[in-house]
Protein backbone atom coordinates (compact mmCIF):
# COMPACT_ATOMS: atom_id res chain seq x y z
CA MET A 1 0.00 0.00 0.00
CA SER A 2 1.39 3.42 -0.98
CA VAL A 3 1.76 6.36 1.38
CA PHE A 4 -1.08 8.18 -0.37
CA ASP A 5 -3.36 5.15 -0.01
CA GLN A 6 -2.72 5.17 3.73
CA LEU A 7 -3.52 8.89 3.97
CA GLY A 8 -6.87 8.51 2.24
CA ASP A 9 -8.88 11.71 2.47
CA GLU A 10 -8.20 12.20 6.19
CA TYR A 11 -4.67 13.48 6.68
CA GLU A 12 -3.50 16.97 5.78
CA GLU A 13 0.24 16.43 5.63
CA VAL A 14 3.01 13.91 6.22
CA VAL A 15 6.61 15.09 6.26
CA PHE A 16 9.72 12.92 6.22
CA PHE A 17 12.87 14.42 7.75
CA HIS A 18 16.29 12.96 6.96
CA ASP A 19 19.71 14.20 8.07
CA PRO A 20 22.43 11.57 7.50
CA PRO A 21 25.22 13.36 9.46
CA SER A 22 23.20 13.30 12.70
CA GLY A 23 21.43 10.02 11.95
CA LEU A 24 18.01 11.66 12.10
CA ARG A 25 15.16 9.85 10.37
CA ALA A 26 11.80 11.25 11.42
CA ILE A 27 8.19 11.41 10.26
CA VAL A 28 5.65 14.06 11.24
CA ALA A 29 1.98 13.40 10.50
CA ILE A 30 -0.56 16.20 10.67
CA HIS A 31 -4.05 14.74 10.73
CA SER A 32 -6.13 17.90 11.16
CA THR A 33 -5.78 21.59 11.91
CA THR A 34 -9.53 22.27 11.79
CA LEU A 35 -9.66 23.37 15.43
CA GLY A 36 -6.14 24.81 15.61
CA PRO A 37 -2.48 23.90 15.19
CA SER A 38 -1.71 20.22 15.63
CA LEU A 39 -0.04 19.21 18.87
CA GLY A 40 1.35 15.80 19.74
CA GLY A 41 4.44 14.17 21.15
CA THR A 42 7.58 12.86 19.49
CA ARG A 43 8.02 9.11 19.87
CA PHE A 44 11.68 7.95 19.65
CA TYR A 45 11.55 4.21 19.04
CA PRO A 46 13.47 1.42 17.23
CA PHE A 47 10.69 0.48 14.83
CA ALA A 48 11.13 -2.79 12.98
CA SER A 49 10.56 -1.04 9.65
CA GLU A 50 9.75 2.30 8.09
CA ASP A 51 6.29 1.00 7.21
CA GLU A 52 5.66 0.22 10.89
CA ALA A 53 6.82 3.71 11.88
CA LEU A 54 4.52 5.33 9.31
CA LEU A 55 1.53 3.27 10.43
CA ASP A 56 2.20 4.18 14.07
CA VAL A 57 2.55 7.91 13.45
CA LEU A 58 -0.62 8.00 11.34
CA ARG A 59 -2.69 6.21 13.97
CA LEU A 60 -1.28 8.39 16.74
CA ALA A 61 -1.90 11.63 14.83
CA ARG A 62 -5.51 10.73 14.20
CA GLY A 63 -5.94 9.89 17.86
CA MET A 64 -4.57 13.31 18.82
CA THR A 65 -7.22 15.05 16.72
CA TYR A 66 -9.97 13.27 18.61
CA LYS A 67 -8.18 13.66 21.94
CA ALA A 68 -7.91 17.44 21.56
CA ALA A 69 -11.50 17.72 20.36
CA ALA A 70 -12.93 15.62 23.20
CA ALA A 71 -10.85 17.59 25.71
CA GLY A 72 -12.39 20.85 24.52
CA LEU A 73 -9.09 22.25 23.24
CA ASP A 74 -8.63 24.54 20.25
CA LEU A 75 -5.98 22.26 18.81
CA GLY A 76 -5.69 19.76 16.01
CA GLY A 77 -3.98 16.40 15.86
CA GLY A 78 -0.41 15.62 14.91
CA LYS A 79 2.34 13.27 15.95
CA ALA A 80 5.98 12.57 15.20
CA VAL A 81 8.26 9.56 15.32
CA ILE A 82 12.04 9.38 15.25
CA LEU A 83 13.30 6.03 14.01
CA GLY A 84 16.05 4.44 16.08
CA ASP A 85 17.03 3.37 19.57
CA PRO A 86 17.18 6.49 21.75
CA LYS A 87 19.67 4.77 24.07
CA ARG A 88 22.11 4.46 21.17
CA ILE A 89 21.62 7.34 18.75
CA LYS A 90 20.01 10.19 20.68
CA THR A 91 22.40 13.17 20.68
CA GLU A 92 22.23 16.94 21.04
CA GLU A 93 23.03 17.26 17.34
CA LEU A 94 20.17 14.98 16.32
CA LEU A 95 17.63 16.70 18.58
CA ARG A 96 18.64 20.18 17.48
CA THR A 97 18.46 19.12 13.84
CA TYR A 98 15.01 17.77 14.52
CA GLY A 99 14.07 21.07 16.14
CA ARG A 100 15.19 22.95 13.03
CA PHE A 101 13.02 20.74 10.88
CA ILE A 102 10.02 21.24 13.17
CA ASP A 103 10.51 24.99 12.83
CA THR A 104 10.15 24.76 9.05
CA LEU A 105 6.51 23.71 9.54
CA GLY A 106 5.76 27.22 10.80
CA GLY A 107 3.62 26.19 13.77
CA ARG A 108 1.30 23.77 11.99
CA TYR A 109 2.78 21.12 14.27
CA ILE A 110 3.81 21.64 17.90
CA THR A 111 5.73 18.83 19.55
CA ALA A 112 6.01 17.43 23.08
CA GLU A 113 7.50 14.37 24.76
CA ASP A 114 6.40 10.79 24.25
CA ILE A 115 7.93 7.33 24.56
CA GLY A 116 11.69 7.66 24.18
CA THR A 117 11.80 11.42 24.77
CA ASN A 118 11.69 13.51 27.93
CA ARG A 119 11.71 17.04 29.28
CA ASP A 120 15.45 17.47 28.80
CA ASP A 121 15.04 16.54 25.14
CA MET A 122 12.29 19.14 24.76
CA ASP A 123 14.65 21.74 26.26
CA VAL A 124 17.24 20.90 23.59
CA ILE A 125 14.64 21.07 20.82
CA ARG A 126 13.48 24.42 22.25
CA ARG A 127 16.89 25.89 21.38
CA GLU A 128 15.93 25.60 17.71
CA THR A 129 12.17 26.17 17.67
CA ARG A 130 9.43 27.72 19.76
CA TYR A 131 6.98 25.09 18.56
CA VAL A 132 7.59 22.74 21.47
CA THR A 133 5.83 22.14 24.81
CA GLY A 134 6.66 20.18 27.93
CA VAL A 135 9.86 22.15 28.50
CA SER A 136 11.37 22.95 31.89
CA PRO A 137 9.64 25.42 34.19
CA GLU A 138 12.76 27.59 33.90
CA LEU A 139 11.88 28.00 30.22
CA GLY A 140 8.24 28.76 30.96
CA GLY A 141 7.05 25.20 30.55
CA SER A 142 5.15 22.67 32.60
CA GLY A 143 7.87 20.03 32.85
CA ASP A 144 7.07 16.34 32.85
CA PRO A 145 3.37 15.81 31.98
CA SER A 146 3.31 12.22 33.25
CA PRO A 147 1.94 12.96 36.76
CA VAL A 148 -0.88 15.02 35.28
CA THR A 149 -1.71 12.30 32.74
CA ALA A 150 -1.85 9.78 35.58
CA TYR A 151 -4.13 12.10 37.56
CA GLY A 152 -6.54 12.28 34.62
CA VAL A 153 -6.55 8.47 34.27
CA PHE A 154 -7.20 8.18 38.01
CA LEU A 155 -10.22 10.49 37.74
CA GLY A 156 -11.40 8.59 34.69
CA MET A 157 -11.27 5.33 36.63
CA LYS A 158 -13.63 6.86 39.18
CA ALA A 159 -16.09 7.62 36.38
CA CYS A 160 -15.78 4.00 35.24
CA VAL A 161 -16.42 2.69 38.75
CA GLU A 162 -19.61 4.73 38.87
CA GLU A 163 -20.68 3.34 35.51
CA ALA A 164 -19.85 -0.27 36.32
CA TRP A 165 -20.84 -0.55 39.98
CA GLN A 166 -22.68 2.70 40.83
CA GLU A 167 -20.03 3.39 43.45
CA HIS A 168 -17.82 6.43 44.00
CA SER A 169 -14.62 4.95 45.36
CA LEU A 170 -11.74 2.82 44.10
CA GLU A 171 -10.98 1.57 47.60
CA GLY A 172 -10.53 -2.20 47.67
CA ARG A 173 -10.75 -2.53 43.89
CA ARG A 174 -8.17 -4.77 42.20
CA VAL A 175 -6.34 -2.91 39.40
CA ALA A 176 -3.94 -4.57 36.93
CA VAL A 177 -1.53 -1.96 35.57
CA GLN A 178 0.34 -2.93 32.41
CA GLY A 179 3.38 -0.69 32.13
CA VAL A 180 4.85 1.24 35.05
CA GLY A 181 7.03 3.74 33.25
CA LYS A 182 6.40 7.48 33.34
CA VAL A 183 2.60 7.48 33.64
CA GLY A 184 2.09 4.01 35.08
CA TYR A 185 4.33 4.71 38.07
CA HIS A 186 2.38 7.82 39.06
CA LEU A 187 -0.92 6.03 38.50
CA VAL A 188 0.14 3.22 40.86
CA LYS A 189 1.10 5.84 43.43
CA LEU A 190 -2.39 7.38 43.29
CA LEU A 191 -4.11 4.00 43.39
CA VAL A 192 -2.15 2.74 46.39
CA GLU A 193 -1.70 5.88 48.47
CA GLU A 194 -4.88 7.82 47.74
CA ALA A 195 -7.47 5.27 46.67
CA LYS A 196 -6.28 2.35 48.85
CA ALA A 197 -6.74 0.01 45.89
CA SER A 198 -5.10 -3.41 45.45
CA VAL A 199 -2.62 -3.29 42.54
CA VAL A 200 -0.80 -5.84 40.41
CA VAL A 201 1.72 -4.60 37.81
CA SER A 202 3.84 -5.77 34.92
CA ASP A 203 6.49 -4.25 32.67
CA VAL A 204 9.15 -5.55 30.30
CA ASP A 205 11.58 -3.26 32.14
CA VAL A 206 12.57 -5.17 35.28
CA ASP A 207 14.01 -2.03 36.85
CA ALA A 208 10.66 -0.26 36.52
CA VAL A 209 8.93 -3.18 38.21
CA ALA A 210 11.51 -3.26 41.00
CA ARG A 211 10.94 0.45 41.61
CA VAL A 212 7.18 0.16 42.13
CA ILE A 213 7.60 -2.92 44.31
CA ARG A 214 10.08 -1.02 46.46
CA ASP A 215 7.97 2.13 46.67
CA PHE A 216 4.45 0.69 46.92
CA GLY A 217 4.67 -3.03 47.75
CA VAL A 218 2.46 -4.11 44.83
CA ASP A 219 2.01 -7.57 43.33
CA THR A 220 3.51 -8.52 39.97
CA ALA A 221 2.53 -10.55 36.91
CA GLU A 222 4.22 -11.61 33.69
CA PRO A 223 3.99 -8.92 30.98
CA ASP A 224 2.21 -11.25 28.55
CA LYS A 225 -0.31 -12.38 31.18
CA ILE A 226 -1.24 -9.13 32.95
CA HIS A 227 -4.36 -8.66 30.82
CA ALA A 228 -5.69 -12.04 32.01
CA GLN A 229 -5.39 -11.25 35.72
CA GLU A 230 -8.49 -11.53 37.88
CA CYS A 231 -9.20 -7.88 38.56
CA ASP A 232 -11.83 -5.16 38.57
CA ILE A 233 -9.93 -2.78 36.28
CA TYR A 234 -7.35 -3.57 33.62
CA ALA A 235 -5.18 -0.51 32.95
CA PRO A 236 -3.06 -0.64 29.78
CA CYS A 237 -0.30 1.95 30.29
CA ALA A 238 2.34 0.75 27.84
CA LEU A 239 2.19 0.46 24.05
CA GLY A 240 -1.07 0.17 22.14
CA GLY A 241 -2.85 -2.64 20.35
CA VAL A 242 -3.36 -4.74 23.50
CA ILE A 243 -7.14 -5.12 23.06
CA ARG A 244 -7.38 -7.58 20.20
CA ASP A 245 -8.91 -10.87 19.06
CA ASP A 246 -6.71 -13.09 21.22
CA THR A 247 -6.74 -11.00 24.42
CA ILE A 248 -10.42 -10.04 24.68
CA PRO A 249 -11.60 -13.61 25.51
CA GLU A 250 -8.95 -13.76 28.25
CA LEU A 251 -9.99 -10.55 30.03
CA LYS A 252 -11.25 -11.11 33.56
CA CYS A 253 -12.17 -7.52 34.39
CA ARG A 254 -15.25 -5.32 34.40
CA VAL A 255 -13.45 -2.15 33.27
CA VAL A 256 -10.64 -1.32 30.81
CA ALA A 257 -9.16 2.09 31.62
CA GLY A 258 -5.54 3.07 31.07
CA SER A 259 -3.15 5.63 29.64
CA ALA A 260 -1.86 3.80 26.55
CA ASN A 261 -2.69 5.23 23.14
CA ASN A 262 -4.49 3.14 20.50
CA GLN A 263 -5.46 0.38 22.92
CA LEU A 264 -7.89 -1.16 20.43
CA GLU A 265 -6.07 -3.00 17.66
CA ARG A 266 -9.07 -2.39 15.40
CA PRO A 267 -12.20 -0.22 15.85
CA GLU A 268 -14.47 -3.25 16.06
CA HIS A 269 -12.74 -4.30 19.27
CA GLY A 270 -14.64 -1.51 21.02
CA GLU A 271 -17.83 -3.29 20.01
CA ALA A 272 -16.41 -6.58 21.26
CA LEU A 273 -15.73 -5.09 24.70
CA ALA A 274 -19.28 -3.74 24.87
CA ALA A 275 -20.67 -7.13 23.86
CA ALA A 276 -18.63 -8.73 26.66
CA GLY A 277 -20.15 -6.33 29.20
CA ILE A 278 -16.84 -4.55 29.81
CA VAL A 279 -16.87 -0.79 30.42
CA TYR A 280 -14.19 0.73 28.19
CA ALA A 281 -12.83 4.22 28.84
CA PRO A 282 -11.82 5.40 25.34
CA ASP A 283 -8.07 5.89 25.50
CA TYR A 284 -7.85 9.32 23.93
CA VAL A 285 -10.40 10.64 26.43
CA ILE A 286 -9.01 9.22 29.66
CA ASN A 287 -5.34 9.88 28.81
CA ALA A 288 -5.82 13.51 27.73
CA GLY A 289 -4.38 14.97 30.94
CA GLY A 290 -0.89 15.31 29.52
CA LEU A 291 -2.14 17.07 26.42
CA ILE A 292 -4.32 19.43 28.46
CA ASN A 293 -1.34 20.19 30.68
CA VAL A 294 1.15 21.02 27.92
CA ALA A 295 -1.50 22.89 25.93
CA ASP A 296 -1.78 25.27 28.87
CA GLU A 297 1.78 26.39 28.12
CA LEU A 298 0.50 28.06 24.96
CA GLN A 299 -1.26 30.61 27.19
CA GLY A 300 1.55 30.92 29.74
CA TYR A 301 1.57 27.91 32.03
CA HIS A 302 -0.52 28.05 35.20
CA PRO A 303 -0.47 24.70 37.08
CA GLU A 304 -3.72 25.16 39.00
CA ARG A 305 -5.59 26.18 35.86
CA ALA A 306 -4.20 23.15 34.03
CA LYS A 307 -5.16 20.78 36.86
CA ALA A 308 -8.69 22.20 36.94
CA ARG A 309 -9.03 21.56 33.22
CA VAL A 310 -7.82 17.98 33.63
CA GLN A 311 -10.69 17.40 36.05
CA SER A 312 -13.03 17.72 33.05
CA ILE A 313 -11.96 14.20 31.99
CA TYR A 314 -14.28 12.77 34.64
CA ARG A 315 -17.25 14.77 33.32
CA THR A 316 -16.45 13.99 29.70
CA LEU A 317 -16.38 10.26 30.36
CA ARG A 318 -19.70 10.46 32.18
CA GLU A 319 -21.17 12.22 29.12
CA ILE A 320 -19.72 9.59 26.77
CA PHE A 321 -21.16 6.77 28.87
CA HIS A 322 -24.54 8.53 28.68
CA ILE A 323 -24.29 8.83 24.87
CA ALA A 324 -23.40 5.13 24.61
CA ARG A 325 -26.46 4.12 26.63
CA ASP A 326 -28.77 6.57 24.88
CA ARG A 327 -27.71 5.62 21.35
CA HIS A 328 -27.11 1.93 22.08
CA VAL A 329 -23.53 2.05 20.83
CA SER A 330 -20.16 1.16 22.31
CA THR A 331 -18.29 3.71 24.37
CA ALA A 332 -15.62 3.79 21.65
CA ALA A 333 -18.24 4.79 19.07
CA ALA A 334 -19.78 7.28 21.51
CA ALA A 335 -16.40 8.95 22.04
CA ASP A 336 -15.81 9.25 18.30
CA ALA A 337 -19.26 10.80 17.93
CA PHE A 338 -18.65 13.20 20.82
CA ALA A 339 -15.33 14.40 19.38
CA GLY A 340 -16.44 14.36 15.76
CA GLU A 341 -19.54 16.43 16.47
CA ARG A 342 -17.44 19.10 18.20
CA ILE A 343 -15.02 19.20 15.27
CA GLY A 344 -17.97 19.67 12.93
CA ARG A 345 -19.60 22.43 15.00
CA ILE A 346 -16.49 24.46 15.81
CA GLY A 347 -14.88 23.77 12.45
CA ARG A 348 -17.90 25.35 10.78
CA VAL A 349 -17.50 28.48 12.92
CA ARG A 350 -13.85 28.71 11.96
CA LEU A 351 -14.64 28.84 8.27
CA TYR A 352 -15.44 32.52 8.75
CA TRP A 353 -12.49 34.77 8.04
CA VAL A 354 -11.73 37.55 10.51
CA PRO A 355 -9.11 40.32 10.14
CA GLY A 356 -5.90 39.26 11.84
CA GLY A 357 -7.23 35.72 12.20
CA ARG A 358 -5.30 32.50 11.69
CA GLY A 359 -5.00 32.32 7.92
CA TRP A 360 -7.59 32.61 5.21
CA ALA A 361 -10.84 30.73 5.23
CA LYS A 362 -14.04 30.54 3.28
CA ILE A 363 -17.07 32.55 4.24
CA TRP A 364 -20.06 30.38 3.88
CA ALA A 365 -23.12 32.21 2.62
CA ARG A 366 -26.62 30.92 2.40
CA ASN A 367 -28.52 31.85 -0.73
CA GLY A 368 -32.17 32.35 -0.16
């Protein structure tokens, strides 16, 4: 399948960056700028192939469009990937070269951290472009968004508990957390220390597992078996594609709610979860805390304002659950409808050109 076939009529732009001296090979995908400039993190990962990297960045960019829309932000969806092992090839030269390339997009894409990148990397990129978020507080940024993302997931779990059991507390609930890296660690902390939940974890990184055992005394499971644990809530917080044909029959939970992007391998798996009686918190809704947090930097970062906005995740999920019940659809379909309808409504408003506005646009006129 060609690149253009994969873009279909959805994506606005895909840019390939290549700088042999620094070893940089990167792809930026801009899915939509209907609501505003696209914002999404840079994933630095040793993809098995260029085709795999392209597929990943396209899926992630589309998810960011819906995430921003559902979160009520005036932002579009974009994402970037850098091909390679960050432990081996990440250098100041490579990151600054990448920053220069990002700057050539003129603000259509704003980057942030993701798997394989961190706040320090964003600070380096910031030396070459202003189109970057998640930088250090000393540079006017919000720093690491992981704790805020975890906080949003934690609030989202409370909405799920209300939907599944008509209860308001996570206390005593058994939660299986898959992935205890940046976000997963902070989520476990909230679950254990604040909610008094029972937690079992897994991660391919043995050091990450050792850290949460040391800090929180949680149980552990094998990474390829965590989804099949007897639990109330299964929380995917690692890579995506974990809800699929072979794992759905093995789920022993009432709720799926985690921070990973693209948890459903295919859209129809949202329907399969609904058919199995499992409450699914659509990933791009429940994990939007990090995006909301870094987006606040675009106005001059204010931590309390950002945290207050993250609290809307709870209300948004409650609304999505209501739509799913009212329309007799899965929560995944309800979330797409919720986000898509906002894009349609606000996108229509933004077709009107105003002096000094962001670019040119059509003025729609109705002929009597």
